[in-house]
């Protein structure tokens, strides 16, 4: 089995417009995803807003996200899958109401 990181990119501003019912719907969609894929999911977390990020570039530390962009990484899932096609099938199920996801293989170091 290989490991893949599924990065969730979404427009944070859209979440500020959600009603509590819509927010509950988003949360429930992630709960359903977790239940449907529990055997493949190793871990995952939601992240604080991009404005809370601290970036380091060539040794210089700055407040805020690394790049100004409309979409930011809002969370991730670390999954195991037999191959990229299986990982993509799981990635397609990730709720990303205001954006999309990126599926990337984890590089294994031979140490």
C-alpha atoms as a PDB file:
ATOM      1  CA  UNK A   1       0.000   0.000   0.000  1.00  0.00           C
ATOM      2  CA  UNK A   2       1.164   3.519  -0.763  1.00  0.00           C
ATOM      3  CA  UNK A   3       0.431   6.666   1.194  1.00  0.00           C
ATOM      4  CA  UNK A   4      -1.187   9.732  -0.368  1.00  0.00           C
ATOM      5  CA  UNK A   5      -1.889  13.175   1.005  1.00  0.00           C
ATOM      6  CA  UNK A   6      -5.214  14.641  -0.059  1.00  0.00           C
ATOM      7  CA  UNK A   7      -5.001  18.426   0.301  1.00  0.00           C
ATOM      8  CA  UNK A   8      -8.295  20.301   0.469  1.00  0.00           C
ATOM      9  CA  UNK A   9      -8.161  23.723  -1.234  1.00  0.00           C
ATOM     10  CA  UNK A  10     -11.131  26.007  -0.769  1.00  0.00           C
ATOM     11  CA  UNK A  11     -12.102  29.657  -0.798  1.00  0.00           C
ATOM     12  CA  UNK A  12     -12.201  30.574   2.899  1.00  0.00           C
ATOM     13  CA  UNK A  13     -14.417  33.618   2.293  1.00  0.00           C
ATOM     14  CA  UNK A  14     -17.261  31.349   1.166  1.00  0.00           C
ATOM     15  CA  UNK A  15     -17.331  29.659   4.556  1.00  0.00           C
ATOM     16  CA  UNK A  16     -18.039  33.015   6.205  1.00  0.00           C
ATOM     17  CA  UNK A  17     -21.364  33.185   4.374  1.00  0.00           C
ATOM     18  CA  UNK A  18     -22.687  29.796   5.519  1.00  0.00           C
ATOM     19  CA  UNK A  19     -25.718  29.522   7.743  1.00  0.00           C
ATOM     20  CA  UNK A  20     -25.432  27.194  10.729  1.00  0.00           C
ATOM     21  CA  UNK A  21     -27.518  24.624   8.836  1.00  0.00           C
ATOM     22  CA  UNK A  22     -25.160  24.794   5.849  1.00  0.00           C
ATOM     23  CA  UNK A  23     -22.171  24.504   8.161  1.00  0.00           C
ATOM     24  CA  UNK A  24     -23.742  21.409   9.711  1.00  0.00           C
ATOM     25  CA  UNK A  25     -24.205  19.983   6.204  1.00  0.00           C
ATOM     26  CA  UNK A  26     -20.489  20.460   5.449  1.00  0.00           C
ATOM     27  CA  UNK A  27     -19.530  18.813   8.747  1.00  0.00           C
ATOM     28  CA  UNK A  28     -21.863  15.893   8.080  1.00  0.00           C
ATOM     29  CA  UNK A  29     -20.391  15.449   4.588  1.00  0.00           C
ATOM     30  CA  UNK A  30     -16.938  15.024   6.143  1.00  0.00           C
ATOM     31  CA  UNK A  31     -18.295  12.584   8.740  1.00  0.00           C
ATOM     32  CA  UNK A  32     -19.844  10.537   5.934  1.00  0.00           C
ATOM     33  CA  UNK A  33     -16.572  10.624   3.967  1.00  0.00           C
ATOM     34  CA  UNK A  34     -14.683   9.423   7.065  1.00  0.00           C
ATOM     35  CA  UNK A  35     -17.145   6.598   7.672  1.00  0.00           C
ATOM     36  CA  UNK A  36     -17.149   5.504   4.026  1.00  0.00           C
ATOM     37  CA  UNK A  37     -13.340   5.459   3.826  1.00  0.00           C
ATOM     38  CA  UNK A  38     -12.316   4.481   7.373  1.00  0.00           C
ATOM     39  CA  UNK A  39     -10.122   1.614   6.174  1.00  0.00           C
ATOM     40  CA  UNK A  40      -8.032   3.910   3.949  1.00  0.00           C
ATOM     41  CA  UNK A  41      -7.738   6.972   6.184  1.00  0.00           C
ATOM     42  CA  UNK A  42      -4.637   7.175   8.361  1.00  0.00           C
ATOM     43  CA  UNK A  43      -5.301  10.688   9.627  1.00  0.00           C
ATOM     44  CA  UNK A  44      -6.440  14.155   8.764  1.00  0.00           C
ATOM     45  CA  UNK A  45      -7.212  17.530  10.238  1.00  0.00           C
ATOM     46  CA  UNK A  46      -8.892  20.809   9.453  1.00  0.00           C
ATOM     47  CA  UNK A  47      -6.580  23.817   9.549  1.00  0.00           C
ATOM     48  CA  UNK A  48      -7.029  27.298  10.985  1.00  0.00           C
ATOM     49  CA  UNK A  49      -7.618  30.119   8.486  1.00  0.00           C
ATOM     50  CA  UNK A  50      -4.705  31.041   6.184  1.00  0.00           C
ATOM     51  CA  UNK A  51      -4.416  34.382   7.968  1.00  0.00           C
ATOM     52  CA  UNK A  52      -3.054  32.497  11.005  1.00  0.00           C
ATOM     53  CA  UNK A  53      -0.188  31.012   8.988  1.00  0.00           C
ATOM     54  CA  UNK A  54       3.423  32.013   9.418  1.00  0.00           C
ATOM     55  CA  UNK A  55       5.538  31.537   6.313  1.00  0.00           C
ATOM     56  CA  UNK A  56       9.282  31.018   6.067  1.00  0.00           C
ATOM     57  CA  UNK A  57      11.008  31.810   2.792  1.00  0.00           C
ATOM     58  CA  UNK A  58      14.782  31.624   2.512  1.00  0.00           C
ATOM     59  CA  UNK A  59      15.070  32.092   6.258  1.00  0.00           C
ATOM     60  CA  UNK A  60      12.762  35.132   6.426  1.00  0.00           C
ATOM     61  CA  UNK A  61       9.679  34.713   8.633  1.00  0.00           C
ATOM     62  CA  UNK A  62       6.480  36.578   7.725  1.00  0.00           C
ATOM     63  CA  UNK A  63       2.932  36.559   9.033  1.00  0.00           C
ATOM     64  CA  UNK A  64       0.180  35.228   6.821  1.00  0.00           C
ATOM     65  CA  UNK A  65      -0.086  32.698   4.067  1.00  0.00           C
ATOM     66  CA  UNK A  66       2.875  31.969   1.808  1.00  0.00           C
ATOM     67  CA  UNK A  67       1.177  33.100  -1.396  1.00  0.00           C
ATOM     68  CA  UNK A  68      -1.771  35.397  -1.915  1.00  0.00           C
ATOM     69  CA  UNK A  69      -4.401  33.180  -3.458  1.00  0.00           C
ATOM     70  CA  UNK A  70      -8.157  32.849  -3.590  1.00  0.00           C
ATOM     71  CA  UNK A  71      -8.058  29.253  -2.378  1.00  0.00           C
ATOM     72  CA  UNK A  72      -6.069  28.068   0.620  1.00  0.00           C
ATOM     73  CA  UNK A  73      -5.368  24.675   2.159  1.00  0.00           C
ATOM     74  CA  UNK A  74      -8.177  24.179   4.635  1.00  0.00           C
ATOM     75  CA  UNK A  75      -7.353  20.663   5.703  1.00  0.00           C
ATOM     76  CA  UNK A  76      -6.026  17.304   4.629  1.00  0.00           C
ATOM     77  CA  UNK A  77      -6.464  13.564   4.823  1.00  0.00           C
ATOM     78  CA  UNK A  78      -3.579  11.104   4.837  1.00  0.00           C
ATOM     79  CA  UNK A  79      -4.732   7.903   3.153  1.00  0.00           C
ATOM     80  CA  UNK A  80      -3.388   4.517   2.121  1.00  0.00           C
ATOM     81  CA  UNK A  81      -4.307   3.082  -1.257  1.00  0.00           C
ATOM     82  CA  UNK A  82      -2.933   0.328  -3.477  1.00  0.00           C
ATOM     83  CA  UNK A  83      -2.262   2.762  -6.340  1.00  0.00           C
ATOM     84  CA  UNK A  84      -2.915   6.261  -7.658  1.00  0.00           C
ATOM     85  CA  UNK A  85      -6.201   5.287  -9.298  1.00  0.00           C
ATOM     86  CA  UNK A  86      -7.559   4.049  -5.963  1.00  0.00           C
ATOM     87  CA  UNK A  87      -6.280   7.203  -4.222  1.00  0.00           C
ATOM     88  CA  UNK A  88      -7.988   9.378  -6.834  1.00  0.00           C
ATOM     89  CA  UNK A  89     -11.242   7.485  -6.334  1.00  0.00           C
ATOM     90  CA  UNK A  90     -11.060   8.336  -2.632  1.00  0.00           C
ATOM     91  CA  UNK A  91     -10.003  11.914  -3.366  1.00  0.00           C
ATOM     92  CA  UNK A  92     -13.066  12.436  -5.569  1.00  0.00           C
ATOM     93  CA  UNK A  93     -15.252  11.732  -2.523  1.00  0.00           C
ATOM     94  CA  UNK A  94     -13.702  14.431  -0.307  1.00  0.00           C
ATOM     95  CA  UNK A  95     -16.190  17.233   0.362  1.00  0.00           C
ATOM     96  CA  UNK A  96     -14.722  20.441  -1.071  1.00  0.00           C
ATOM     97  CA  UNK A  97     -17.779  22.625  -1.530  1.00  0.00           C
ATOM     98  CA  UNK A  98     -15.841  25.799  -2.347  1.00  0.00           C
ATOM     99  CA  UNK A  99     -12.816  24.437  -4.185  1.00  0.00           C
ATOM    100  CA  UNK A 100     -11.146  21.132  -4.882  1.00  0.00           C
ATOM    101  CA  UNK A 101      -8.581  18.635  -3.718  1.00  0.00           C
ATOM    102  CA  UNK A 102      -5.085  17.636  -4.716  1.00  0.00           C
ATOM    103  CA  UNK A 103      -3.906  14.044  -4.327  1.00  0.00           C
ATOM    104  CA  UNK A 104      -0.155  13.624  -3.945  1.00  0.00           C
ATOM    105  CA  UNK A 105       1.892  10.492  -3.312  1.00  0.00           C
ATOM    106  CA  UNK A 106       3.984  10.601  -0.154  1.00  0.00           C
ATOM    107  CA  UNK A 107       7.678  10.306  -0.932  1.00  0.00           C
ATOM    108  CA  UNK A 108       9.202   7.462   1.045  1.00  0.00           C
ATOM    109  CA  UNK A 109      12.786   7.980   2.129  1.00  0.00           C
ATOM    110  CA  UNK A 110      15.032   4.961   2.226  1.00  0.00           C
ATOM    111  CA  UNK A 111      16.967   5.755   5.403  1.00  0.00           C
END
